[in-house]
Amino acid sequence: MSRLITTVGPTVCQSPTTADKLLERVISTAVVFDPLDDLPDLPGGVLFLVGVASDNENMPQIVAEVVERGYSAVAIKLHGRSAASLGSLPSTIAVIVVNDDIPWRHLDEMLSAVTSGQRTDDGINETGLFELANAVAMAAGGSVAIEDLERNVLAYSTVDGQVVDSVRQNGILARQVPDLSKNNDQYREVMQASGVVHFPYDPADGELARCSAAIRAGRVAVGSIWVIEKDLPVGANAEAAIIEACRLASIQILRAQNARDLERQVRSEWLRSLLYGHPGVPATASRFGISSGLDSVIVGFMIRSTEDGSASPIHELATVAEQYCSVFRANVSSVPIGQIAYVLLPVVRDKAMPKRLVAGTIDAIEARLGCEAIAAVSSPECGIERITAMRAEVDEVLAVINDSAGSPAIAARTDVHSQIRLRALKKTDRGQHSEHPAVTLLLEHDRKKRTEYRNSLMAYLAHPEDVQRAAEDLGIHPNTLRYRVRRAKELFDIRLDIPDDRLVTWLDLRLTSRQ
């Protein structure tokens, strides 16, 4: 946490925490506090106390739950209150005091930039744009900002004593360059130049003199570096430092853009290995956010099979499913295998949550891909070693709802348990199945005479107490159905008054219904 405080500088946030063990805690993802929501388990998380006053009477209970669920820190705005109001906070959690003018979403972006960096083999820090900005500021003697092509402020220098004007200050606070009428001309000039471009002081808006150079990856511009010139234009050595910083920044910007895709790919392949039954290493559970003693769920998505047998867009399906689920859940991972996109949802406390989330995901898939999607939700299971069994359950459910007309688009095993058992019986009896003699005669009669005794008995047995409804399913008169049932009993010695015979007759008819 101390790295976050140091990197973004006191303009953005500070910490009254003094205990070293709290300041050195590793921080990960940010979560926005909502008193109506259950707080998710998130080791290393930072809870943004949005709309919560520092002297809120419920603060002790909030912080107690934060500590219990493994968070490293809470972030809060004082909104004019004295820092003394934080005295009621327990000493077991680190506190980040955020500048009242900083939008919460910008703090989240900065936290992500600081926490996702890793040192590479060539010694470059992937998200060290803040450190790079400070290095340029020391070499050039002025405040530095690094921007992308959308004029978002990716990083800025925090060197003591540096001079900033209101334009830079507003850019830091909003993480976006203020929209000025002269901006387009300035950026166009920077992007067309091969070196450093200087702009004089502008008395119209008080913008101090500054220089800039384009950040390029090859010939493609990916951003720009801006340096405020305090008294005189920077010299040749400073310009050389700016150009070298552009080279380093291009690498880091590209890596930052690709980092999310790379992490997704790594998690995807790791999940694939688990689904195939390969044991995970000790860090696997934490990688996926799986907590000991708490259930996880596997969801399988697929495009419902079509008559033309066209291939489904499986990779697009997996991407849309993960993107949608990630909006509502942390640590979501997905991988496409065959025609199924599997999504892992760790830490499921609310048993009804997966189906709610899947319903929205199905809508998103169909809206994006224009295909009818179906999904299977596994039973909640505890422990990463259960993932393979959860996948097998999902596969069984998907096979049923994809193969059965009128089946629901979303189902769990409990919803289609009977159909799963019937499919298992059919597979077990294939090649060995011995039909009831009466059923054999009936089916042979249907094949030769093109009669409808099987379908009639199936409807009759499906609605034993409602001949009217059974007849409606067949599109015939109830008396016609009664006549067929009576004739079946006479012709084939079908005995429906004996419970065991009735069960076996229905089962034989059901297992042969698709032959």
Protein backbone atom coordinates (compact mmCIF):
# COMPACT_ATOMS: atom_id res chain seq x y z
CA MET A 1 0.00 0.00 0.00
CA SER A 2 2.88 2.36 0.70
CA ARG A 3 3.85 2.14 -2.97
CA LEU A 4 0.40 3.41 -3.99
CA ILE A 5 0.62 6.36 -1.59
CA THR A 6 4.14 7.26 -2.76
CA THR A 7 3.44 6.83 -6.46
CA VAL A 8 0.24 8.85 -6.86
CA GLY A 9 1.43 11.51 -4.41
CA PRO A 10 -0.25 13.52 -1.64
CA THR A 11 -2.32 15.48 -4.18
CA VAL A 12 -4.39 12.36 -4.74
CA CYS A 13 -4.31 10.49 -1.44
CA GLN A 14 -2.56 10.15 1.90
CA SER A 15 -2.61 7.69 4.75
CA PRO A 16 -2.79 8.43 8.47
CA THR A 17 -1.76 4.83 9.09
CA THR A 18 1.63 4.60 10.79
CA ALA A 19 2.04 0.87 11.43
CA ASP A 20 4.62 -0.55 9.00
CA LYS A 21 2.91 -3.94 8.87
CA LEU A 22 -0.26 -2.28 7.58
CA LEU A 23 1.50 -0.04 5.06
CA GLU A 24 3.41 -2.95 3.57
CA ARG A 25 0.32 -5.05 2.92
CA VAL A 26 -0.20 -6.18 -0.66
CA ILE A 27 -3.27 -4.61 -2.26
CA SER A 28 -5.19 -5.94 -5.23
CA THR A 29 -8.66 -5.12 -6.53
CA ALA A 30 -10.89 -2.25 -5.47
CA VAL A 31 -14.50 -2.82 -4.36
CA VAL A 32 -17.11 -0.08 -4.04
CA PHE A 33 -19.03 -0.24 -0.77
CA ASP A 34 -22.80 -0.61 -0.99
CA PRO A 35 -24.66 -1.08 2.32
CA LEU A 36 -27.39 -3.06 0.51
CA ASP A 37 -24.94 -5.58 -0.99
CA ASP A 38 -23.14 -8.46 0.66
CA LEU A 39 -19.46 -7.67 0.87
CA PRO A 40 -17.51 -10.14 -1.33
CA ASP A 41 -14.51 -12.06 -0.01
CA LEU A 42 -11.43 -10.44 -1.57
CA PRO A 43 -8.00 -11.00 0.00
CA GLY A 44 -5.85 -7.90 -0.49
CA GLY A 45 -8.81 -5.82 -1.62
CA VAL A 46 -9.34 -2.11 -1.05
CA LEU A 47 -12.86 -1.08 -0.07
CA PHE A 48 -13.91 2.32 -1.46
CA LEU A 49 -16.21 3.80 1.20
CA VAL A 50 -18.22 5.83 -1.27
CA GLY A 51 -20.78 8.06 0.44
CA VAL A 52 -19.69 6.96 3.93
CA ALA A 53 -18.74 9.70 6.37
CA SER A 54 -15.64 9.15 8.47
CA ASP A 55 -17.71 9.53 11.66
CA ASN A 56 -20.46 7.14 10.50
CA GLU A 57 -21.83 5.26 13.50
CA ASN A 58 -21.73 1.97 11.56
CA MET A 59 -18.05 2.31 10.72
CA PRO A 60 -16.84 -0.23 13.36
CA GLN A 61 -19.17 -2.91 11.97
CA ILE A 62 -18.16 -2.13 8.38
CA VAL A 63 -14.45 -2.32 9.16
CA ALA A 64 -14.89 -5.51 11.20
CA GLU A 65 -16.42 -7.22 8.17
CA VAL A 66 -13.70 -5.79 5.93
CA VAL A 67 -11.03 -7.34 8.16
CA GLU A 68 -12.90 -10.65 8.33
CA ARG A 69 -13.08 -10.91 4.53
CA GLY A 70 -9.37 -10.33 4.04
CA TYR A 71 -9.18 -6.74 2.78
CA SER A 72 -5.94 -4.80 3.16
CA ALA A 73 -7.31 -1.26 3.31
CA VAL A 74 -10.28 1.06 3.16
CA ALA A 75 -10.33 4.30 1.16
CA ILE A 76 -12.44 7.23 2.33
CA LYS A 77 -13.01 10.94 1.63
CA LEU A 78 -13.23 13.36 4.55
CA HIS A 79 -15.37 15.99 2.76
CA GLY A 80 -14.23 18.79 5.03
CA ARG A 81 -14.13 16.76 8.21
CA SER A 82 -11.06 16.68 10.39
CA ALA A 83 -8.69 13.72 10.15
CA ALA A 84 -9.39 13.27 13.86
CA SER A 85 -12.76 11.78 12.90
CA LEU A 86 -10.85 8.70 11.74
CA GLY A 87 -9.83 7.98 15.31
CA SER A 88 -12.79 5.62 15.67
CA LEU A 89 -11.41 3.26 13.03
CA PRO A 90 -9.81 0.06 14.36
CA SER A 91 -6.06 -0.24 14.12
CA THR A 92 -6.39 -3.58 12.31
CA ILE A 93 -6.99 -2.03 8.87
CA ALA A 94 -4.97 0.42 6.77
CA VAL A 95 -6.70 3.67 5.80
CA ILE A 96 -6.33 5.72 2.61
CA VAL A 97 -7.65 9.29 2.72
CA VAL A 98 -8.61 10.38 -0.79
CA ASN A 99 -8.61 13.95 -2.09
CA ASP A 100 -12.23 15.11 -2.24
CA ASP A 101 -11.77 16.26 -5.86
CA ILE A 102 -10.55 12.89 -7.16
CA PRO A 103 -13.29 10.82 -8.83
CA TRP A 104 -13.43 7.33 -7.40
CA ARG A 105 -13.10 5.73 -10.83
CA HIS A 106 -9.80 7.54 -11.37
CA LEU A 107 -8.46 6.29 -8.05
CA ASP A 108 -9.43 2.80 -9.19
CA GLU A 109 -7.48 3.28 -12.43
CA MET A 110 -4.40 4.47 -10.55
CA LEU A 111 -4.63 1.59 -8.08
CA SER A 112 -4.78 -0.85 -11.00
CA ALA A 113 -1.77 0.80 -12.63
CA VAL A 114 0.31 0.49 -9.48
CA THR A 115 -0.72 -3.01 -8.39
CA SER A 116 -0.50 -4.78 -11.75
CA GLY A 117 3.15 -3.94 -12.44
CA GLN A 118 5.77 -6.68 -12.58
CA ARG A 119 9.49 -6.49 -13.10
CA THR A 120 10.50 -8.12 -16.39
CA ASP A 121 13.75 -9.81 -17.37
CA ASP A 122 15.06 -6.70 -19.08
CA GLY A 123 14.57 -4.66 -15.91
CA ILE A 124 11.63 -2.60 -17.15
CA ASN A 125 8.62 -2.27 -14.92
CA GLU A 126 5.51 -2.92 -16.99
CA THR A 127 3.36 -0.28 -15.33
CA GLY A 128 6.10 2.02 -14.04
CA LEU A 129 4.86 5.08 -15.89
CA PHE A 130 4.71 7.03 -12.64
CA GLU A 131 8.38 6.22 -11.93
CA LEU A 132 9.27 7.15 -15.50
CA ALA A 133 7.45 10.48 -15.15
CA ASN A 134 9.44 11.25 -12.00
CA ALA A 135 12.71 10.38 -13.75
CA VAL A 136 11.94 12.76 -16.64
CA ALA A 137 10.89 15.48 -14.19
CA MET A 138 14.26 15.21 -12.44
CA ALA A 139 16.15 15.38 -15.75
CA ALA A 140 14.09 18.20 -17.27
CA GLY A 141 13.42 20.20 -14.12
CA GLY A 142 9.66 20.45 -14.65
CA SER A 143 6.40 18.71 -13.95
CA VAL A 144 5.67 15.79 -16.29
CA ALA A 145 2.48 14.16 -17.53
CA ILE A 146 2.23 11.03 -19.70
CA GLU A 147 -0.92 10.72 -21.80
CA ASP A 148 -2.49 8.27 -24.21
CA LEU A 149 -4.04 9.17 -27.56
CA GLU A 150 -7.41 9.81 -25.92
CA ARG A 151 -5.67 12.47 -23.78
CA ASN A 152 -6.16 10.47 -20.61
CA VAL A 153 -3.45 11.18 -18.04
CA LEU A 154 -1.81 7.80 -17.52
CA ALA A 155 0.83 9.01 -15.07
CA TYR A 156 2.39 12.20 -13.71
CA SER A 157 5.41 13.23 -11.70
CA THR A 158 5.26 13.81 -7.95
CA VAL A 159 8.68 15.40 -7.38
CA ASP A 160 8.74 17.81 -4.43
CA GLY A 161 8.72 21.49 -5.37
CA GLN A 162 7.67 21.06 -9.00
CA VAL A 163 5.51 23.81 -10.45
CA VAL A 164 2.13 23.02 -11.97
CA ASP A 165 -0.50 25.29 -13.48
CA SER A 166 -4.27 24.96 -13.24
CA VAL A 167 -4.44 23.04 -16.53
CA ARG A 168 -2.07 20.37 -15.23
CA GLN A 169 -3.73 20.31 -11.81
CA ASN A 170 -7.16 19.74 -13.35
CA GLY A 171 -5.73 17.07 -15.63
CA ILE A 172 -4.30 15.17 -12.66
CA LEU A 173 -7.51 15.39 -10.67
CA ALA A 174 -9.74 14.32 -13.56
CA ARG A 175 -7.17 12.00 -15.20
CA GLN A 176 -8.19 13.73 -18.41
CA VAL A 177 -6.63 16.74 -20.18
CA PRO A 178 -9.04 19.71 -19.99
CA ASP A 179 -10.78 20.33 -23.31
CA LEU A 180 -9.27 23.58 -24.61
CA SER A 181 -9.84 25.04 -28.07
CA LYS A 182 -6.10 25.04 -28.83
CA ASN A 183 -5.60 21.38 -27.93
CA ASN A 184 -6.22 19.91 -31.37
CA ASP A 185 -3.61 22.15 -33.00
CA GLN A 186 -1.05 21.40 -30.28
CA TYR A 187 -1.52 17.64 -30.43
CA ARG A 188 -1.44 17.66 -34.22
CA GLU A 189 1.89 19.49 -34.17
CA VAL A 190 3.34 17.06 -31.61
CA MET A 191 2.24 13.99 -33.55
CA GLN A 192 3.69 15.31 -36.83
CA ALA A 193 7.05 16.24 -35.31
CA SER A 194 10.02 13.90 -35.07
CA GLY A 195 11.38 15.42 -31.87
CA VAL A 196 10.43 17.71 -29.00
CA VAL A 197 7.98 20.57 -29.66
CA HIS A 198 7.93 23.71 -27.48
CA PHE A 199 4.85 25.80 -26.64
CA PRO A 200 5.15 29.26 -25.00
CA TYR A 201 3.30 30.59 -22.00
CA ASP A 202 -0.35 31.38 -22.79
CA PRO A 203 -1.64 34.41 -20.82
CA ALA A 204 -5.21 33.70 -22.00
CA ASP A 205 -5.63 30.71 -19.69
CA GLY A 206 -2.46 30.87 -17.61
CA GLU A 207 -0.99 27.73 -19.14
CA LEU A 208 2.75 27.68 -18.43
CA ALA A 209 5.30 27.09 -21.16
CA ARG A 210 5.74 23.40 -21.89
CA CYS A 211 7.29 20.99 -24.33
CA SER A 212 6.05 17.68 -25.67
CA ALA A 213 7.09 14.66 -27.71
CA ALA A 214 5.06 11.87 -29.26
CA ILE A 215 5.28 8.34 -27.85
CA ARG A 216 5.46 5.92 -30.75
CA ALA A 217 5.51 2.16 -31.15
CA GLY A 218 7.34 1.92 -34.45
CA ARG A 219 5.56 4.44 -36.66
CA VAL A 220 2.30 4.30 -34.73
CA ALA A 221 1.65 6.98 -32.10
CA VAL A 222 0.35 5.63 -28.77
CA GLY A 223 0.59 8.73 -26.58
CA SER A 224 2.65 11.76 -25.62
CA ILE A 225 4.85 13.16 -22.84
CA TRP A 226 4.41 16.77 -21.66
CA VAL A 227 6.91 18.72 -19.54
CA ILE A 228 6.25 22.12 -17.96
CA GLU A 229 9.21 24.46 -18.57
CA LYS A 230 9.65 26.51 -15.43
CA ASP A 231 11.88 29.39 -16.55
CA LEU A 232 13.64 28.56 -19.82
CA PRO A 233 13.11 25.92 -22.52
CA VAL A 234 14.72 22.62 -21.60
CA GLY A 235 18.19 21.98 -23.00
CA ALA A 236 19.53 19.33 -25.35
CA ASN A 237 20.26 16.85 -22.57
CA ALA A 238 16.72 17.16 -21.23
CA GLU A 239 15.30 16.73 -24.74
CA ALA A 240 17.37 13.57 -25.16
CA ALA A 241 15.97 12.30 -21.85
CA ILE A 242 12.42 13.02 -23.04
CA ILE A 243 12.98 11.12 -26.31
CA GLU A 244 14.43 8.15 -24.42
CA ALA A 245 11.48 8.28 -22.02
CA CYS A 246 9.12 8.12 -25.02
CA ARG A 247 10.81 4.91 -26.13
CA LEU A 248 10.45 3.35 -22.70
CA ALA A 249 6.90 4.63 -22.31
CA SER A 250 5.85 3.06 -25.61
CA ILE A 251 6.95 -0.35 -24.34
CA GLN A 252 5.10 0.13 -21.08
CA ILE A 253 1.92 1.46 -22.70
CA LEU A 254 1.78 -1.47 -25.10
CA ARG A 255 2.43 -3.89 -22.25
CA ALA A 256 -0.27 -2.25 -20.17
CA GLN A 257 -2.70 -2.57 -23.07
CA ASN A 258 -1.82 -6.23 -23.54
CA ALA A 259 -1.49 -7.13 -19.85
CA ARG A 260 -5.18 -7.78 -19.39
CA ASP A 261 -5.33 -10.02 -22.46
CA LEU A 262 -2.20 -11.87 -21.34
CA GLU A 263 -3.54 -12.43 -17.83
CA ARG A 264 -6.82 -13.67 -19.29
CA GLN A 265 -4.97 -16.13 -21.50
CA VAL A 266 -2.89 -17.47 -18.61
CA ARG A 267 -5.96 -17.91 -16.40
CA SER A 268 -7.82 -19.53 -19.30
CA GLU A 269 -5.15 -22.18 -19.86
CA TRP A 270 -4.83 -22.77 -16.13
CA LEU A 271 -8.59 -23.33 -15.91
CA ARG A 272 -8.45 -25.66 -18.91
CA SER A 273 -5.92 -27.81 -17.07
CA LEU A 274 -8.14 -28.00 -13.99
CA LEU A 275 -11.22 -28.89 -16.03
CA TYR A 276 -9.31 -31.77 -17.59
CA GLY A 277 -8.46 -33.09 -14.13
CA HIS A 278 -4.82 -32.07 -13.83
CA PRO A 279 -3.93 -31.14 -10.24
CA GLY A 280 -3.18 -27.51 -9.52
CA VAL A 281 -0.11 -26.09 -7.82
CA PRO A 282 -0.50 -24.54 -4.35
CA ALA A 283 -1.05 -21.06 -5.81
CA THR A 284 -3.90 -22.17 -8.06
CA ALA A 285 -6.73 -21.49 -5.62
CA SER A 286 -5.54 -17.96 -4.84
CA ARG A 287 -5.00 -17.27 -8.56
CA PHE A 288 -8.70 -17.86 -9.14
CA GLY A 289 -9.86 -16.17 -5.94
CA ILE A 290 -11.11 -19.47 -4.48
CA SER A 291 -11.36 -19.26 -0.70
CA SER A 292 -11.08 -22.21 1.66
CA GLY A 293 -14.45 -23.28 3.03
CA LEU A 294 -16.49 -21.33 0.45
CA ASP A 295 -18.27 -22.81 -2.56
CA SER A 296 -17.51 -22.12 -6.21
CA VAL A 297 -19.63 -22.75 -9.30
CA ILE A 298 -18.84 -23.73 -12.89
CA VAL A 299 -21.16 -22.46 -15.62
CA GLY A 300 -21.16 -23.86 -19.14
CA PHE A 301 -22.46 -21.80 -22.07
CA MET A 302 -23.09 -23.05 -25.58
CA ILE A 303 -25.01 -22.09 -28.68
CA ARG A 304 -28.05 -24.32 -29.09
CA SER A 305 -27.51 -26.79 -31.93
CA THR A 306 -29.12 -25.86 -35.23
CA GLU A 307 -30.48 -28.11 -37.95
CA ASP A 308 -27.87 -26.95 -40.46
CA GLY A 309 -25.08 -28.03 -38.09
CA SER A 310 -23.22 -24.73 -38.47
CA ALA A 311 -20.25 -24.16 -36.16
CA SER A 312 -20.81 -21.93 -33.15
CA PRO A 313 -18.58 -18.88 -32.51
CA ILE A 314 -17.07 -20.47 -29.42
CA HIS A 315 -14.26 -17.97 -28.78
CA GLU A 316 -16.61 -15.01 -29.12
CA LEU A 317 -19.06 -16.83 -26.84
CA ALA A 318 -16.39 -17.25 -24.15
CA THR A 319 -15.33 -13.62 -24.43
CA VAL A 320 -18.85 -12.21 -24.11
CA ALA A 321 -19.65 -14.54 -21.19
CA GLU A 322 -16.52 -13.56 -19.27
CA GLN A 323 -16.91 -9.85 -19.98
CA TYR A 324 -20.51 -9.79 -18.75
CA CYS A 325 -19.88 -11.88 -15.64
CA SER A 326 -16.78 -9.81 -14.78
CA VAL A 327 -18.93 -6.70 -14.48
CA PHE A 328 -20.72 -8.22 -11.49
CA ARG A 329 -18.17 -10.66 -10.05
CA ALA A 330 -14.45 -10.48 -9.22
CA ASN A 331 -11.93 -13.12 -10.35
CA VAL A 332 -14.07 -14.52 -13.16
CA SER A 333 -12.19 -16.89 -15.51
CA SER A 334 -13.32 -18.59 -18.72
CA VAL A 335 -12.04 -21.06 -21.29
CA PRO A 336 -13.62 -22.50 -24.46
CA ILE A 337 -13.38 -26.29 -24.87
CA GLY A 338 -15.08 -27.88 -27.85
CA GLN A 339 -18.45 -26.18 -28.25
CA ILE A 340 -18.74 -25.14 -24.60
CA ALA A 341 -17.48 -21.97 -22.91
CA TYR A 342 -16.80 -22.69 -19.24
CA VAL A 343 -16.86 -19.87 -16.67
CA LEU A 344 -15.59 -20.24 -13.11
CA LEU A 345 -17.40 -18.18 -10.45
CA PRO A 346 -15.44 -18.38 -7.17
CA VAL A 347 -16.82 -17.63 -3.71
CA VAL A 348 -20.57 -18.15 -4.13
CA ARG A 349 -22.46 -17.41 -0.91
CA ASP A 350 -25.87 -16.73 -2.45
CA LYS A 351 -27.06 -19.98 -4.05
CA ALA A 352 -29.51 -18.09 -6.30
CA MET A 353 -26.87 -15.69 -7.62
CA PRO A 354 -25.41 -17.88 -10.43
CA LYS A 355 -28.74 -18.31 -12.22
CA ARG A 356 -29.49 -14.59 -11.97
CA LEU A 357 -26.09 -13.76 -13.40
CA VAL A 358 -26.39 -16.40 -16.12
CA ALA A 359 -29.77 -15.05 -17.23
CA GLY A 360 -28.22 -11.66 -17.92
CA THR A 361 -25.27 -13.30 -19.63
CA ILE A 362 -27.56 -15.26 -21.96
CA ASP A 363 -29.26 -12.00 -22.98
CA ALA A 364 -25.87 -10.39 -23.63
CA ILE A 365 -24.69 -13.35 -25.73
CA GLU A 366 -27.82 -13.40 -27.85
CA ALA A 367 -27.72 -9.63 -28.34
CA ARG A 368 -24.03 -9.66 -29.33
CA LEU A 369 -23.85 -12.86 -31.39
CA GLY A 370 -27.42 -13.19 -32.64
CA CYS A 371 -27.54 -16.88 -31.62
CA GLU A 372 -29.75 -18.77 -29.18
CA ALA A 373 -27.63 -19.63 -26.17
CA ILE A 374 -28.14 -22.15 -23.37
CA ALA A 375 -26.34 -22.56 -20.05
CA ALA A 376 -25.82 -25.16 -17.34
CA VAL A 377 -24.99 -24.25 -13.73
CA SER A 378 -23.10 -26.76 -11.60
CA SER A 379 -23.91 -27.54 -8.00
CA PRO A 380 -21.88 -25.37 -5.59
CA GLU A 381 -18.75 -27.24 -4.54
CA CYS A 382 -15.96 -26.43 -2.10
CA GLY A 383 -12.34 -26.94 -3.09
CA ILE A 384 -10.42 -26.64 -6.32
CA GLU A 385 -10.16 -30.43 -6.59
CA ARG A 386 -13.93 -30.56 -7.28
CA ILE A 387 -13.74 -28.52 -10.48
CA THR A 388 -13.43 -31.59 -12.73
CA ALA A 389 -16.59 -33.12 -11.25
CA MET A 390 -18.38 -29.79 -11.63
CA ARG A 391 -17.46 -29.74 -15.31
CA ALA A 392 -18.84 -33.28 -15.79
CA GLU A 393 -22.11 -32.19 -14.22
CA VAL A 394 -22.31 -29.16 -16.50
CA ASP A 395 -21.68 -31.33 -19.55
CA GLU A 396 -24.52 -33.68 -18.57
CA VAL A 397 -26.98 -30.83 -18.12
CA LEU A 398 -26.02 -29.16 -21.39
CA ALA A 399 -26.41 -32.45 -23.27
CA VAL A 400 -29.98 -32.75 -21.98
CA ILE A 401 -31.19 -29.21 -22.61
CA ASN A 402 -29.50 -29.03 -26.01
CA ASP A 403 -31.12 -32.30 -27.11
CA SER A 404 -34.62 -31.85 -25.65
CA ALA A 405 -37.27 -29.76 -27.37
CA GLY A 406 -38.89 -27.27 -25.04
CA SER A 407 -36.14 -27.54 -22.42
CA PRO A 408 -35.19 -24.40 -20.45
CA ALA A 409 -32.34 -22.19 -21.64
CA ILE A 410 -30.77 -22.28 -18.14
CA ALA A 411 -30.73 -25.35 -15.94
CA ALA A 412 -28.97 -27.04 -13.04
CA ARG A 413 -28.78 -30.77 -12.43
CA THR A 414 -31.78 -30.65 -10.10
CA ASP A 415 -33.89 -29.18 -12.92
CA VAL A 416 -33.20 -32.04 -15.36
CA HIS A 417 -32.25 -34.90 -13.05
CA SER A 418 -34.81 -37.30 -14.52
CA GLN A 419 -33.66 -36.66 -18.09
CA ILE A 420 -30.04 -37.24 -17.07
CA ARG A 421 -30.98 -40.58 -15.50
CA LEU A 422 -32.85 -41.60 -18.63
CA ARG A 423 -29.88 -40.72 -20.84
CA ALA A 424 -27.64 -42.77 -18.57
CA LEU A 425 -30.02 -45.75 -18.76
CA LYS A 426 -30.17 -45.48 -22.51
CA LYS A 427 -26.37 -45.50 -22.78
CA THR A 428 -26.06 -48.43 -20.37
CA ASP A 429 -28.71 -50.51 -22.14
CA ARG A 430 -27.54 -49.74 -25.67
CA GLY A 431 -27.00 -53.06 -27.44
CA GLN A 432 -28.22 -55.01 -24.38
CA HIS A 433 -31.67 -53.55 -23.89
CA SER A 434 -34.45 -56.15 -23.50
CA GLU A 435 -37.85 -54.59 -24.14
CA HIS A 436 -41.04 -55.78 -22.53
CA PRO A 437 -42.52 -58.32 -25.01
CA ALA A 438 -45.72 -56.33 -25.24
CA VAL A 439 -43.77 -53.19 -26.12
CA THR A 440 -41.82 -55.07 -28.79
CA LEU A 441 -45.08 -56.16 -30.42
CA LEU A 442 -46.49 -52.64 -30.19
CA LEU A 443 -43.47 -51.00 -31.79
CA GLU A 444 -43.38 -53.59 -34.57
CA HIS A 445 -47.07 -52.98 -35.26
CA ASP A 446 -46.47 -49.20 -35.43
CA ARG A 447 -43.63 -49.70 -37.91
CA LYS A 448 -45.55 -52.04 -40.19
CA LYS A 449 -49.03 -50.51 -40.00
CA ARG A 450 -47.94 -46.89 -39.41
CA THR A 451 -50.17 -46.70 -36.36
CA GLU A 452 -49.69 -44.34 -33.39
CA TYR A 453 -49.97 -46.67 -30.40
CA ARG A 454 -46.55 -45.69 -28.95
CA ASN A 455 -47.23 -41.95 -29.06
CA SER A 456 -50.73 -42.47 -27.72
CA LEU A 457 -49.55 -44.53 -24.77
CA MET A 458 -46.72 -42.08 -24.06
CA ALA A 459 -49.19 -39.18 -23.84
CA TYR A 460 -51.64 -41.26 -21.80
CA LEU A 461 -48.96 -42.29 -19.30
CA ALA A 462 -47.62 -38.72 -19.10
CA HIS A 463 -51.08 -37.48 -18.01
CA PRO A 464 -52.69 -40.50 -16.30
CA GLU A 465 -55.36 -38.44 -14.60
CA ASP A 466 -56.10 -36.07 -17.46
CA VAL A 467 -57.13 -37.75 -20.72
CA GLN A 468 -58.31 -34.39 -22.05
CA ARG A 469 -54.85 -32.86 -21.80
CA ALA A 470 -53.15 -35.98 -23.19
CA ALA A 471 -55.48 -35.89 -26.19
CA GLU A 472 -54.74 -32.19 -26.70
CA ASP A 473 -51.00 -32.95 -26.81
CA LEU A 474 -51.69 -35.43 -29.61
CA GLY A 475 -54.23 -33.23 -31.38
CA ILE A 476 -56.97 -35.87 -31.24
CA HIS A 477 -60.35 -36.30 -29.52
CA PRO A 478 -60.27 -37.77 -25.97
CA ASN A 479 -62.50 -40.65 -27.08
CA THR A 480 -60.02 -41.49 -29.82
CA LEU A 481 -57.25 -41.71 -27.25
CA ARG A 482 -59.35 -43.91 -24.97
CA TYR A 483 -60.06 -46.22 -27.90
CA ARG A 484 -56.33 -46.51 -28.78
CA VAL A 485 -55.37 -47.32 -25.20
CA ARG A 486 -58.09 -49.97 -24.97
CA ARG A 487 -57.01 -51.51 -28.31
CA ALA A 488 -53.33 -51.54 -27.20
CA LYS A 489 -54.28 -53.52 -24.12
CA GLU A 490 -56.25 -55.99 -26.27
CA LEU A 491 -53.76 -56.38 -29.13
CA PHE A 492 -50.47 -56.46 -27.22
CA ASP A 493 -51.49 -57.55 -23.74
CA ILE A 494 -50.38 -54.21 -22.27
CA ARG A 495 -51.11 -54.30 -18.51
CA LEU A 496 -51.24 -50.75 -17.15
CA ASP A 497 -53.10 -51.67 -13.98
CA ILE A 498 -50.02 -53.37 -12.47
CA PRO A 499 -47.58 -50.67 -11.14
CA ASP A 500 -44.36 -52.48 -12.11
CA ASP A 501 -45.65 -53.27 -15.61
CA ARG A 502 -46.84 -49.71 -16.00
CA LEU A 503 -43.37 -48.39 -15.00
CA VAL A 504 -41.45 -50.77 -17.27
CA THR A 505 -43.81 -50.11 -20.20
CA TRP A 506 -43.37 -46.37 -19.90
CA LEU A 507 -39.60 -46.73 -19.47
CA ASP A 508 -39.25 -48.94 -22.55
CA LEU A 509 -41.37 -46.57 -24.61
CA ARG A 510 -39.39 -43.59 -23.31
CA LEU A 511 -35.99 -45.14 -24.05
CA THR A 512 -37.02 -46.03 -27.59
CA SER A 513 -38.81 -42.75 -28.24
CA ARG A 514 -35.93 -41.41 -30.35
CA GLN A 515 -35.08 -44.58 -32.21
